[in-house]
Amino acid sequence: MKNVAVIGAGTMGNGIAHTFAQSGFKVQLIDISDAALKKGIDTITKNLDRMVSKEKITETQKEETLANISTYTSVTEGVEYAGLVVEAATENIDLKLKIFKQLDEACPEDTILATNTSSISITQIAAVTSRPDMVIGMHFMNPVPIMKLVEIIRGYNTSDEVTKLIMDMSTTLGKIPVEVNDYPGFVANRILMPMLNESIETLYNGVAGVQEIDTVMKLGMAHPMGPLQLADFIGLDVCLSILNVMYDGFKNPKYAPCPLLVNMVSAGKLGVKSGEGFYDYSESRKAEKVAKQFS
């Protein structure tokens, strides 16, 4: 299984493609437009250049990694020889079901289908295919080339053989795979998102300001970044989507997204990627300046 197709050239997709390519896999990176693919390759190149400058890899290794990646705007062409497909499209259930139906029809019958979803049911995704035993979750953490964890999520019908193969493959990528079962949010986001949501509630209720909340969690709990900064980094729209999946899945009010989060997403204040969230990123991607609304 040396040919891996990656669906989506965005933040997670290009990171996954980078990681597989750097480990010697031939990667077919697939997206709907040449512009999206160019942006993805440019990001990979920039990240590799940073690794070269820090002497983590050589210039030769950088060139070999880039040579391992080919790009496609056609799913059918991109997955023709894939032993594994990793879907990393937007966290939207309807879109993912559509993609997996297409993959099931286009891929060889022995191709394993994986999704990088951070919260959506693997069992539900697998149910739209004719190979539910070969569908699995591979939830990489952002930034993918750096973060070690991969949540490996078994759907209801995922086979032992496929699970072991993906666990072993994750290890060859230099990752630490952890097997979890298929429930909304899995482990990482089931614990993380309520914490982020509670941090937003704390701000919403006027208990403390943005920097004060983040400082308490960084200094008191030894978190590398505060929860509001982390929410901005993840994307407030992504946080909202995951909370909605968990709220719908468990029907438990503790997962209901804070009204402030809902309003910010509706207003297009999505965090780093939009230039403003809880912090203002118009001049720097570092969380140094609190957004005007909260200052």
C-alpha atoms as a PDB file:
ATOM      1  CA  MET A   1       0.000   0.000   0.000  1.00  0.00           C
ATOM      2  CA  LYS A   2       2.421   2.646  -1.223  1.00  0.00           C
ATOM      3  CA  ASN A   3      -0.148   4.753  -3.100  1.00  0.00           C
ATOM      4  CA  VAL A   4      -2.264   7.013  -0.886  1.00  0.00           C
ATOM      5  CA  ALA A   5      -4.879   9.433  -2.189  1.00  0.00           C
ATOM      6  CA  VAL A   6      -5.816  12.446  -0.068  1.00  0.00           C
ATOM      7  CA  ILE A   7      -9.123  14.224  -0.677  1.00  0.00           C
ATOM      8  CA  GLY A   8      -8.828  17.939   0.050  1.00  0.00           C
ATOM      9  CA  ALA A   9      -5.778  20.219  -0.142  1.00  0.00           C
ATOM     10  CA  GLY A  10      -6.738  22.499   2.752  1.00  0.00           C
ATOM     11  CA  THR A  11      -5.058  22.778   6.136  1.00  0.00           C
ATOM     12  CA  MET A  12      -5.539  19.151   7.156  1.00  0.00           C
ATOM     13  CA  GLY A  13      -5.327  17.653   3.666  1.00  0.00           C
ATOM     14  CA  ASN A  14      -2.019  19.228   2.720  1.00  0.00           C
ATOM     15  CA  GLY A  15      -0.605  18.301   6.126  1.00  0.00           C
ATOM     16  CA  ILE A  16      -1.656  14.667   5.675  1.00  0.00           C
ATOM     17  CA  ALA A  17      -0.243  14.606   2.124  1.00  0.00           C
ATOM     18  CA  HIS A  18       3.028  16.128   3.394  1.00  0.00           C
ATOM     19  CA  THR A  19       3.314  13.509   6.143  1.00  0.00           C
ATOM     20  CA  PHE A  20       2.710  10.510   3.882  1.00  0.00           C
ATOM     21  CA  ALA A  21       5.002  11.866   1.150  1.00  0.00           C
ATOM     22  CA  GLN A  22       7.821  12.545   3.602  1.00  0.00           C
ATOM     23  CA  SER A  23       7.524   8.928   4.769  1.00  0.00           C
ATOM     24  CA  GLY A  24       8.074   7.641   1.240  1.00  0.00           C
ATOM     25  CA  PHE A  25       4.492   7.077   0.081  1.00  0.00           C
ATOM     26  CA  LYS A  26       3.319   8.145  -3.369  1.00  0.00           C
ATOM     27  CA  VAL A  27       0.546  10.642  -2.723  1.00  0.00           C
ATOM     28  CA  GLN A  28      -2.246  11.678  -5.050  1.00  0.00           C
ATOM     29  CA  LEU A  29      -3.590  14.983  -3.700  1.00  0.00           C
ATOM     30  CA  ILE A  30      -7.108  15.687  -4.963  1.00  0.00           C
ATOM     31  CA  ASP A  31      -9.190  18.867  -4.836  1.00  0.00           C
ATOM     32  CA  ILE A  32     -11.864  20.505  -6.961  1.00  0.00           C
ATOM     33  CA  SER A  33      -9.661  23.244  -8.442  1.00  0.00           C
ATOM     34  CA  ASP A  34      -6.108  23.830  -9.608  1.00  0.00           C
ATOM     35  CA  ALA A  35      -6.008  26.957  -7.424  1.00  0.00           C
ATOM     36  CA  ALA A  36      -6.745  24.938  -4.285  1.00  0.00           C
ATOM     37  CA  LEU A  37      -4.106  22.378  -5.245  1.00  0.00           C
ATOM     38  CA  LYS A  38      -1.502  25.090  -5.918  1.00  0.00           C
ATOM     39  CA  LYS A  39      -2.222  26.665  -2.540  1.00  0.00           C
ATOM     40  CA  GLY A  40      -1.847  23.255  -0.873  1.00  0.00           C
ATOM     41  CA  ILE A  41       1.491  22.526  -2.581  1.00  0.00           C
ATOM     42  CA  ASP A  42       2.740  26.023  -1.761  1.00  0.00           C
ATOM     43  CA  THR A  43       1.937  25.389   1.911  1.00  0.00           C
ATOM     44  CA  ILE A  44       3.721  22.036   1.875  1.00  0.00           C
ATOM     45  CA  THR A  45       6.754  23.635   0.222  1.00  0.00           C
ATOM     46  CA  LYS A  46       6.827  26.438   2.786  1.00  0.00           C
ATOM     47  CA  ASN A  47       6.607  23.945   5.669  1.00  0.00           C
ATOM     48  CA  LEU A  48       9.388  21.819   4.166  1.00  0.00           C
ATOM     49  CA  ASP A  49      11.558  24.928   3.726  1.00  0.00           C
ATOM     50  CA  ARG A  50      11.059  25.663   7.421  1.00  0.00           C
ATOM     51  CA  MET A  51      12.157  22.126   8.278  1.00  0.00           C
ATOM     52  CA  VAL A  52      15.270  22.515   6.108  1.00  0.00           C
ATOM     53  CA  SER A  53      16.140  25.822   7.791  1.00  0.00           C
ATOM     54  CA  LYS A  54      15.864  24.123  11.195  1.00  0.00           C
ATOM     55  CA  GLU A  55      18.039  21.238   9.895  1.00  0.00           C
ATOM     56  CA  LYS A  56      15.312  18.659  10.581  1.00  0.00           C
ATOM     57  CA  ILE A  57      15.508  17.465   6.966  1.00  0.00           C
ATOM     58  CA  THR A  58      17.921  18.029   4.092  1.00  0.00           C
ATOM     59  CA  GLU A  59      17.251  19.853   0.826  1.00  0.00           C
ATOM     60  CA  THR A  60      17.351  16.457  -0.910  1.00  0.00           C
ATOM     61  CA  GLN A  61      14.675  15.082   1.428  1.00  0.00           C
ATOM     62  CA  LYS A  62      12.543  18.119   0.723  1.00  0.00           C
ATOM     63  CA  GLU A  63      12.784  17.572  -3.041  1.00  0.00           C
ATOM     64  CA  GLU A  64      12.056  13.843  -2.656  1.00  0.00           C
ATOM     65  CA  THR A  65       8.960  14.642  -0.587  1.00  0.00           C
ATOM     66  CA  LEU A  66       7.614  17.060  -3.197  1.00  0.00           C
ATOM     67  CA  ALA A  67       8.380  14.566  -5.977  1.00  0.00           C
ATOM     68  CA  ASN A  68       6.200  12.015  -4.174  1.00  0.00           C
ATOM     69  CA  ILE A  69       3.110  14.221  -4.559  1.00  0.00           C
ATOM     70  CA  SER A  70       1.017  14.467  -7.705  1.00  0.00           C
ATOM     71  CA  THR A  71      -2.159  16.532  -7.989  1.00  0.00           C
ATOM     72  CA  TYR A  72      -5.574  15.826  -9.521  1.00  0.00           C
ATOM     73  CA  THR A  73      -8.894  17.602  -9.918  1.00  0.00           C
ATOM     74  CA  SER A  74     -10.550  14.310 -10.908  1.00  0.00           C
ATOM     75  CA  VAL A  75     -11.380  11.890  -8.093  1.00  0.00           C
ATOM     76  CA  THR A  76     -11.628   8.968 -10.518  1.00  0.00           C
ATOM     77  CA  GLU A  77      -8.138   9.565 -11.903  1.00  0.00           C
ATOM     78  CA  GLY A  78      -6.622  10.342  -8.515  1.00  0.00           C
ATOM     79  CA  VAL A  79      -7.791   7.157  -6.771  1.00  0.00           C
ATOM     80  CA  GLU A  80      -7.192   4.747  -9.651  1.00  0.00           C
ATOM     81  CA  TYR A  81      -4.233   3.011  -7.980  1.00  0.00           C
ATOM     82  CA  ALA A  82      -4.784   3.991  -4.356  1.00  0.00           C
ATOM     83  CA  GLY A  83      -4.468   1.364  -1.646  1.00  0.00           C
ATOM     84  CA  LEU A  84      -5.728   3.906   0.885  1.00  0.00           C
ATOM     85  CA  VAL A  85      -7.807   7.069   0.533  1.00  0.00           C
ATOM     86  CA  VAL A  86      -7.850   9.636   3.332  1.00  0.00           C
ATOM     87  CA  GLU A  87     -10.716  12.105   3.051  1.00  0.00           C
ATOM     88  CA  ALA A  88      -9.991  15.526   4.585  1.00  0.00           C
ATOM     89  CA  ALA A  89     -12.808  17.679   3.233  1.00  0.00           C
ATOM     90  CA  THR A  90     -14.896  20.197   5.176  1.00  0.00           C
ATOM     91  CA  GLU A  91     -16.555  18.879   8.358  1.00  0.00           C
ATOM     92  CA  ASN A  92     -19.992  18.541   6.765  1.00  0.00           C
ATOM     93  CA  ILE A  93     -21.900  15.265   6.924  1.00  0.00           C
ATOM     94  CA  ASP A  94     -23.743  15.663   3.602  1.00  0.00           C
ATOM     95  CA  LEU A  95     -20.498  16.452   1.773  1.00  0.00           C
ATOM     96  CA  LYS A  96     -18.688  13.509   3.354  1.00  0.00           C
ATOM     97  CA  LEU A  97     -21.472  11.054   2.491  1.00  0.00           C
ATOM     98  CA  LYS A  98     -21.415  12.292  -1.115  1.00  0.00           C
ATOM     99  CA  ILE A  99     -17.625  11.879  -1.298  1.00  0.00           C
ATOM    100  CA  PHE A 100     -17.686   8.357   0.149  1.00  0.00           C
ATOM    101  CA  LYS A 101     -20.375   7.228  -2.276  1.00  0.00           C
ATOM    102  CA  GLN A 102     -18.170   8.510  -5.090  1.00  0.00           C
ATOM    103  CA  LEU A 103     -15.038   6.899  -3.635  1.00  0.00           C
ATOM    104  CA  ASP A 104     -16.794   3.557  -3.229  1.00  0.00           C
ATOM    105  CA  GLU A 105     -17.680   3.573  -6.923  1.00  0.00           C
ATOM    106  CA  ALA A 106     -14.324   4.870  -8.189  1.00  0.00           C
ATOM    107  CA  CYS A 107     -11.802   2.994  -6.024  1.00  0.00           C
ATOM    108  CA  PRO A 108     -10.512  -0.547  -6.521  1.00  0.00           C
ATOM    109  CA  GLU A 109     -12.503  -2.979  -4.393  1.00  0.00           C
ATOM    110  CA  ASP A 110      -9.577  -3.591  -2.036  1.00  0.00           C
ATOM    111  CA  THR A 111      -8.962   0.120  -1.290  1.00  0.00           C
ATOM    112  CA  ILE A 112      -9.341   1.143   2.349  1.00  0.00           C
ATOM    113  CA  LEU A 113     -11.395   4.313   2.821  1.00  0.00           C
ATOM    114  CA  ALA A 114     -10.429   6.551   5.747  1.00  0.00           C
ATOM    115  CA  THR A 115     -11.830   9.851   6.948  1.00  0.00           C
ATOM    116  CA  ASN A 116     -10.087  12.559   8.936  1.00  0.00           C
ATOM    117  CA  THR A 117     -13.400  13.644  10.468  1.00  0.00           C
ATOM    118  CA  SER A 118     -13.053  15.041  13.968  1.00  0.00           C
ATOM    119  CA  SER A 119     -16.546  14.139  15.151  1.00  0.00           C
ATOM    120  CA  ILE A 120     -18.862  12.585  12.521  1.00  0.00           C
ATOM    121  CA  SER A 121     -19.901   8.929  12.846  1.00  0.00           C
ATOM    122  CA  ILE A 122     -17.655   6.501  10.980  1.00  0.00           C
ATOM    123  CA  THR A 123     -20.520   4.000  10.992  1.00  0.00           C
ATOM    124  CA  GLN A 124     -22.824   6.474   9.262  1.00  0.00           C
ATOM    125  CA  ILE A 125     -20.193   7.278   6.639  1.00  0.00           C
ATOM    126  CA  ALA A 126     -19.441   3.591   6.068  1.00  0.00           C
ATOM    127  CA  ALA A 127     -23.125   2.799   5.586  1.00  0.00           C
ATOM    128  CA  VAL A 128     -23.243   4.607   2.219  1.00  0.00           C
ATOM    129  CA  THR A 129     -20.520   2.306   0.830  1.00  0.00           C
ATOM    130  CA  SER A 130     -20.489  -1.338  -0.217  1.00  0.00           C
ATOM    131  CA  ARG A 131     -17.386  -1.934   1.968  1.00  0.00           C
ATOM    132  CA  PRO A 132     -18.268  -0.852   5.553  1.00  0.00           C
ATOM    133  CA  ASP A 133     -15.656  -3.263   6.918  1.00  0.00           C
ATOM    134  CA  MET A 134     -12.986  -1.240   5.081  1.00  0.00           C
ATOM    135  CA  VAL A 135     -13.996   2.220   6.304  1.00  0.00           C
ATOM    136  CA  ILE A 136     -12.132   3.721   9.269  1.00  0.00           C
ATOM    137  CA  GLY A 137     -11.371   7.037  10.933  1.00  0.00           C
ATOM    138  CA  MET A 138      -7.869   8.536  10.908  1.00  0.00           C
ATOM    139  CA  HIS A 139      -8.179  11.734  12.928  1.00  0.00           C
ATOM    140  CA  PHE A 140      -4.870  13.561  12.588  1.00  0.00           C
ATOM    141  CA  MET A 141      -4.095  16.575  14.777  1.00  0.00           C
ATOM    142  CA  ASN A 142      -3.172  20.013  13.432  1.00  0.00           C
ATOM    143  CA  PRO A 143      -0.417  20.774  12.419  1.00  0.00           C
ATOM    144  CA  VAL A 144      -0.205  17.258  10.992  1.00  0.00           C
ATOM    145  CA  PRO A 145       3.559  17.096  10.238  1.00  0.00           C
ATOM    146  CA  ILE A 146       4.337  17.984  13.877  1.00  0.00           C
ATOM    147  CA  MET A 147       1.617  16.477  16.073  1.00  0.00           C
ATOM    148  CA  LYS A 148       2.172  12.841  17.024  1.00  0.00           C
ATOM    149  CA  LEU A 149      -1.349  11.677  17.830  1.00  0.00           C
ATOM    150  CA  VAL A 150      -3.685   9.947  15.385  1.00  0.00           C
ATOM    151  CA  GLU A 151      -7.074   8.827  16.686  1.00  0.00           C
ATOM    152  CA  ILE A 152      -7.969   5.586  14.906  1.00  0.00           C
ATOM    153  CA  ILE A 153     -11.741   5.202  15.015  1.00  0.00           C
ATOM    154  CA  ARG A 154     -13.418   1.890  14.330  1.00  0.00           C
ATOM    155  CA  GLY A 155     -16.880   2.009  12.818  1.00  0.00           C
ATOM    156  CA  TYR A 156     -19.433  -0.613  13.854  1.00  0.00           C
ATOM    157  CA  ASN A 157     -18.349  -2.869  10.975  1.00  0.00           C
ATOM    158  CA  THR A 158     -14.648  -1.973  10.622  1.00  0.00           C
ATOM    159  CA  SER A 159     -12.639  -5.208  10.490  1.00  0.00           C
ATOM    160  CA  ASP A 160      -9.815  -6.163  12.842  1.00  0.00           C
ATOM    161  CA  GLU A 161      -7.534  -6.572   9.837  1.00  0.00           C
ATOM    162  CA  VAL A 162      -8.149  -3.046   8.549  1.00  0.00           C
ATOM    163  CA  THR A 163      -7.778  -1.580  12.031  1.00  0.00           C
ATOM    164  CA  LYS A 164      -4.415  -3.282  12.593  1.00  0.00           C
ATOM    165  CA  LEU A 165      -3.154  -2.281   9.155  1.00  0.00           C
ATOM    166  CA  ILE A 166      -4.023   1.395   9.726  1.00  0.00           C
ATOM    167  CA  MET A 167      -2.562   1.324  13.245  1.00  0.00           C
ATOM    168  CA  ASP A 168       0.686  -0.104  11.851  1.00  0.00           C
ATOM    169  CA  MET A 169       0.744   2.362   8.962  1.00  0.00           C
ATOM    170  CA  SER A 170       0.307   5.274  11.367  1.00  0.00           C
ATOM    171  CA  THR A 171       3.353   4.066  13.261  1.00  0.00           C
ATOM    172  CA  THR A 172       5.415   4.036  10.066  1.00  0.00           C
ATOM    173  CA  LEU A 173       4.483   7.719   9.660  1.00  0.00           C
ATOM    174  CA  GLY A 174       6.168   8.427  12.982  1.00  0.00           C
ATOM    175  CA  LYS A 175       2.797   8.894  14.681  1.00  0.00           C
ATOM    176  CA  ILE A 176       1.356   7.402  17.847  1.00  0.00           C
ATOM    177  CA  PRO A 177      -2.011   5.805  16.981  1.00  0.00           C
ATOM    178  CA  VAL A 178      -4.685   5.398  19.647  1.00  0.00           C
ATOM    179  CA  GLU A 179      -7.694   3.191  18.932  1.00  0.00           C
ATOM    180  CA  VAL A 180     -11.073   4.565  20.021  1.00  0.00           C
ATOM    181  CA  ASN A 181     -14.687   3.617  19.436  1.00  0.00           C
ATOM    182  CA  ASP A 182     -17.220   5.415  17.267  1.00  0.00           C
ATOM    183  CA  TYR A 183     -19.176   7.901  19.374  1.00  0.00           C
ATOM    184  CA  PRO A 184     -19.719  11.614  18.657  1.00  0.00           C
ATOM    185  CA  GLY A 185     -16.514  13.597  19.162  1.00  0.00           C
ATOM    186  CA  PHE A 186     -14.514  10.390  19.774  1.00  0.00           C
ATOM    187  CA  VAL A 187     -12.075  11.135  22.642  1.00  0.00           C
ATOM    188  CA  ALA A 188     -10.105  14.258  21.689  1.00  0.00           C
ATOM    189  CA  ASN A 189     -13.024  16.511  20.812  1.00  0.00           C
ATOM    190  CA  ARG A 190     -15.484  15.006  23.275  1.00  0.00           C
ATOM    191  CA  ILE A 191     -13.200  16.336  26.018  1.00  0.00           C
ATOM    192  CA  LEU A 192     -11.703  19.376  24.269  1.00  0.00           C
ATOM    193  CA  MET A 193     -14.794  21.021  22.768  1.00  0.00           C
ATOM    194  CA  PRO A 194     -16.820  21.278  25.998  1.00  0.00           C
ATOM    195  CA  MET A 195     -13.757  22.934  27.580  1.00  0.00           C
ATOM    196  CA  LEU A 196     -13.499  25.450  24.740  1.00  0.00           C
ATOM    197  CA  ASN A 197     -17.250  26.033  24.860  1.00  0.00           C
ATOM    198  CA  GLU A 198     -17.120  26.597  28.634  1.00  0.00           C
ATOM    199  CA  SER A 199     -14.292  29.089  28.117  1.00  0.00           C
ATOM    200  CA  ILE A 200     -16.498  30.990  25.657  1.00  0.00           C
ATOM    201  CA  GLU A 201     -19.390  30.816  28.171  1.00  0.00           C
ATOM    202  CA  THR A 202     -17.054  32.237  30.828  1.00  0.00           C
ATOM    203  CA  LEU A 203     -16.294  35.190  28.548  1.00  0.00           C
ATOM    204  CA  TYR A 204     -19.970  35.516  27.541  1.00  0.00           C
ATOM    205  CA  ASN A 205     -21.031  35.680  31.204  1.00  0.00           C
ATOM    206  CA  GLY A 206     -18.479  38.389  31.989  1.00  0.00           C
ATOM    207  CA  VAL A 207     -16.464  36.368  34.463  1.00  0.00           C
ATOM    208  CA  ALA A 208     -13.168  37.470  32.892  1.00  0.00           C
ATOM    209  CA  GLY A 209     -11.691  38.850  29.690  1.00  0.00           C
ATOM    210  CA  VAL A 210     -10.083  37.027  26.775  1.00  0.00           C
ATOM    211  CA  GLN A 211      -6.479  37.330  27.895  1.00  0.00           C
ATOM    212  CA  GLU A 212      -7.362  36.675  31.529  1.00  0.00           C
ATOM    213  CA  ILE A 213      -9.123  33.391  30.684  1.00  0.00           C
ATOM    214  CA  ASP A 214      -6.262  32.254  28.468  1.00  0.00           C
ATOM    215  CA  THR A 215      -3.634  33.251  31.042  1.00  0.00           C
ATOM    216  CA  VAL A 216      -5.350  31.275  33.821  1.00  0.00           C
ATOM    217  CA  MET A 217      -5.396  28.128  31.676  1.00  0.00           C
ATOM    218  CA  LYS A 218      -1.823  28.549  30.441  1.00  0.00           C
ATOM    219  CA  LEU A 219      -0.257  29.282  33.808  1.00  0.00           C
ATOM    220  CA  GLY A 220      -2.623  27.310  36.035  1.00  0.00           C
ATOM    221  CA  MET A 221      -3.140  24.208  33.906  1.00  0.00           C
ATOM    222  CA  ALA A 222       0.127  24.222  31.923  1.00  0.00           C
ATOM    223  CA  HIS A 223      -1.686  24.430  28.584  1.00  0.00           C
ATOM    224  CA  PRO A 224       0.625  25.556  25.738  1.00  0.00           C
ATOM    225  CA  MET A 225      -2.011  28.018  24.533  1.00  0.00           C
ATOM    226  CA  GLY A 226      -5.189  29.376  26.064  1.00  0.00           C
ATOM    227  CA  PRO A 227      -8.575  27.877  25.101  1.00  0.00           C
ATOM    228  CA  LEU A 228      -9.815  30.991  23.298  1.00  0.00           C
ATOM    229  CA  GLN A 229      -6.600  31.228  21.293  1.00  0.00           C
ATOM    230  CA  LEU A 230      -6.888  27.514  20.527  1.00  0.00           C
ATOM    231  CA  ALA A 231     -10.487  27.952  19.370  1.00  0.00           C
ATOM    232  CA  ASP A 232      -9.311  30.714  17.021  1.00  0.00           C
ATOM    233  CA  PHE A 233      -6.550  28.434  15.739  1.00  0.00           C
ATOM    234  CA  ILE A 234      -8.922  25.512  15.111  1.00  0.00           C
ATOM    235  CA  GLY A 235     -11.544  27.779  13.527  1.00  0.00           C
ATOM    236  CA  LEU A 236     -14.702  28.856  15.339  1.00  0.00           C
ATOM    237  CA  ASP A 237     -16.830  27.420  12.549  1.00  0.00           C
ATOM    238  CA  VAL A 238     -15.155  24.027  13.038  1.00  0.00           C
ATOM    239  CA  CYS A 239     -15.705  24.226  16.805  1.00  0.00           C
ATOM    240  CA  LEU A 240     -19.380  25.030  16.246  1.00  0.00           C
ATOM    241  CA  SER A 241     -19.783  22.175  13.781  1.00  0.00           C
ATOM    242  CA  ILE A 242     -18.248  19.641  16.178  1.00  0.00           C
ATOM    243  CA  LEU A 243     -20.351  20.849  19.113  1.00  0.00           C
ATOM    244  CA  ASN A 244     -23.490  20.562  16.970  1.00  0.00           C
ATOM    245  CA  VAL A 245     -22.562  16.999  16.009  1.00  0.00           C
ATOM    246  CA  MET A 246     -22.123  16.077  19.683  1.00  0.00           C
ATOM    247  CA  TYR A 247     -25.299  17.901  20.729  1.00  0.00           C
ATOM    248  CA  ASP A 248     -27.297  16.124  18.020  1.00  0.00           C
ATOM    249  CA  GLY A 249     -25.653  12.781  18.821  1.00  0.00           C
ATOM    250  CA  PHE A 250     -26.058  12.798  22.600  1.00  0.00           C
ATOM    251  CA  LYS A 251     -29.092  15.113  22.991  1.00  0.00           C
ATOM    252  CA  ASN A 252     -27.333  16.421  26.104  1.00  0.00           C
ATOM    253  CA  PRO A 253     -27.522  20.183  26.803  1.00  0.00           C
ATOM    254  CA  LYS A 254     -23.945  20.246  28.082  1.00  0.00           C
ATOM    255  CA  TYR A 255     -22.810  20.092  24.441  1.00  0.00           C
ATOM    256  CA  ALA A 256     -25.042  22.982  23.281  1.00  0.00           C
ATOM    257  CA  PRO A 257     -22.818  25.693  21.719  1.00  0.00           C
ATOM    258  CA  CYS A 258     -22.596  29.028  23.505  1.00  0.00           C
ATOM    259  CA  PRO A 259     -24.746  31.768  21.861  1.00  0.00           C
ATOM    260  CA  LEU A 260     -21.627  33.944  21.571  1.00  0.00           C
ATOM    261  CA  LEU A 261     -19.911  31.258  19.479  1.00  0.00           C
ATOM    262  CA  VAL A 262     -22.976  30.948  17.245  1.00  0.00           C
ATOM    263  CA  ASN A 263     -23.135  34.712  16.724  1.00  0.00           C
ATOM    264  CA  MET A 264     -19.414  35.018  15.965  1.00  0.00           C
ATOM    265  CA  VAL A 265     -19.610  32.317  13.306  1.00  0.00           C
ATOM    266  CA  SER A 266     -22.719  33.939  11.801  1.00  0.00           C
ATOM    267  CA  ALA A 267     -20.789  37.222  11.646  1.00  0.00           C
ATOM    268  CA  GLY A 268     -17.850  35.594   9.875  1.00  0.00           C
ATOM    269  CA  LYS A 269     -15.467  35.984  12.836  1.00  0.00           C
ATOM    270  CA  LEU A 270     -13.883  32.561  12.506  1.00  0.00           C
ATOM    271  CA  GLY A 271     -10.483  33.079  14.113  1.00  0.00           C
ATOM    272  CA  VAL A 272      -7.079  33.031  12.467  1.00  0.00           C
ATOM    273  CA  LYS A 273      -8.363  32.110   9.000  1.00  0.00           C
ATOM    274  CA  SER A 274     -10.731  35.090   8.808  1.00  0.00           C
ATOM    275  CA  GLY A 275      -8.341  37.519  10.509  1.00  0.00           C
ATOM    276  CA  GLU A 276     -10.434  37.939  13.641  1.00  0.00           C
ATOM    277  CA  GLY A 277     -11.972  35.833  16.369  1.00  0.00           C
ATOM    278  CA  PHE A 278     -11.303  36.363  20.046  1.00  0.00           C
ATOM    279  CA  TYR A 279      -8.053  37.964  18.927  1.00  0.00           C
ATOM    280  CA  ASP A 280      -7.215  40.327  16.052  1.00  0.00           C
ATOM    281  CA  TYR A 281      -4.882  38.699  13.494  1.00  0.00           C
ATOM    282  CA  SER A 282      -4.813  41.543  10.972  1.00  0.00           C
ATOM    283  CA  GLU A 283      -1.170  42.320  11.743  1.00  0.00           C
ATOM    284  CA  SER A 284       0.113  39.034  13.178  1.00  0.00           C
ATOM    285  CA  ARG A 285      -0.973  35.393  13.349  1.00  0.00           C
ATOM    286  CA  LYS A 286       0.103  35.402  16.985  1.00  0.00           C
ATOM    287  CA  ALA A 287      -2.609  36.038  19.562  1.00  0.00           C
ATOM    288  CA  GLU A 288      -1.153  39.316  20.793  1.00  0.00           C
ATOM    289  CA  LYS A 289      -4.048  41.705  20.306  1.00  0.00           C
ATOM    290  CA  VAL A 290      -7.553  41.090  21.644  1.00  0.00           C
ATOM    291  CA  ALA A 291     -10.334  41.668  19.113  1.00  0.00           C
ATOM    292  CA  LYS A 292     -11.948  45.108  19.409  1.00  0.00           C
ATOM    293  CA  GLN A 293     -15.281  43.597  20.488  1.00  0.00           C
ATOM    294  CA  PHE A 294     -13.660  42.174  23.625  1.00  0.00           C
ATOM    295  CA  SER A 295     -11.096  44.866  24.444  1.00  0.00           C
END
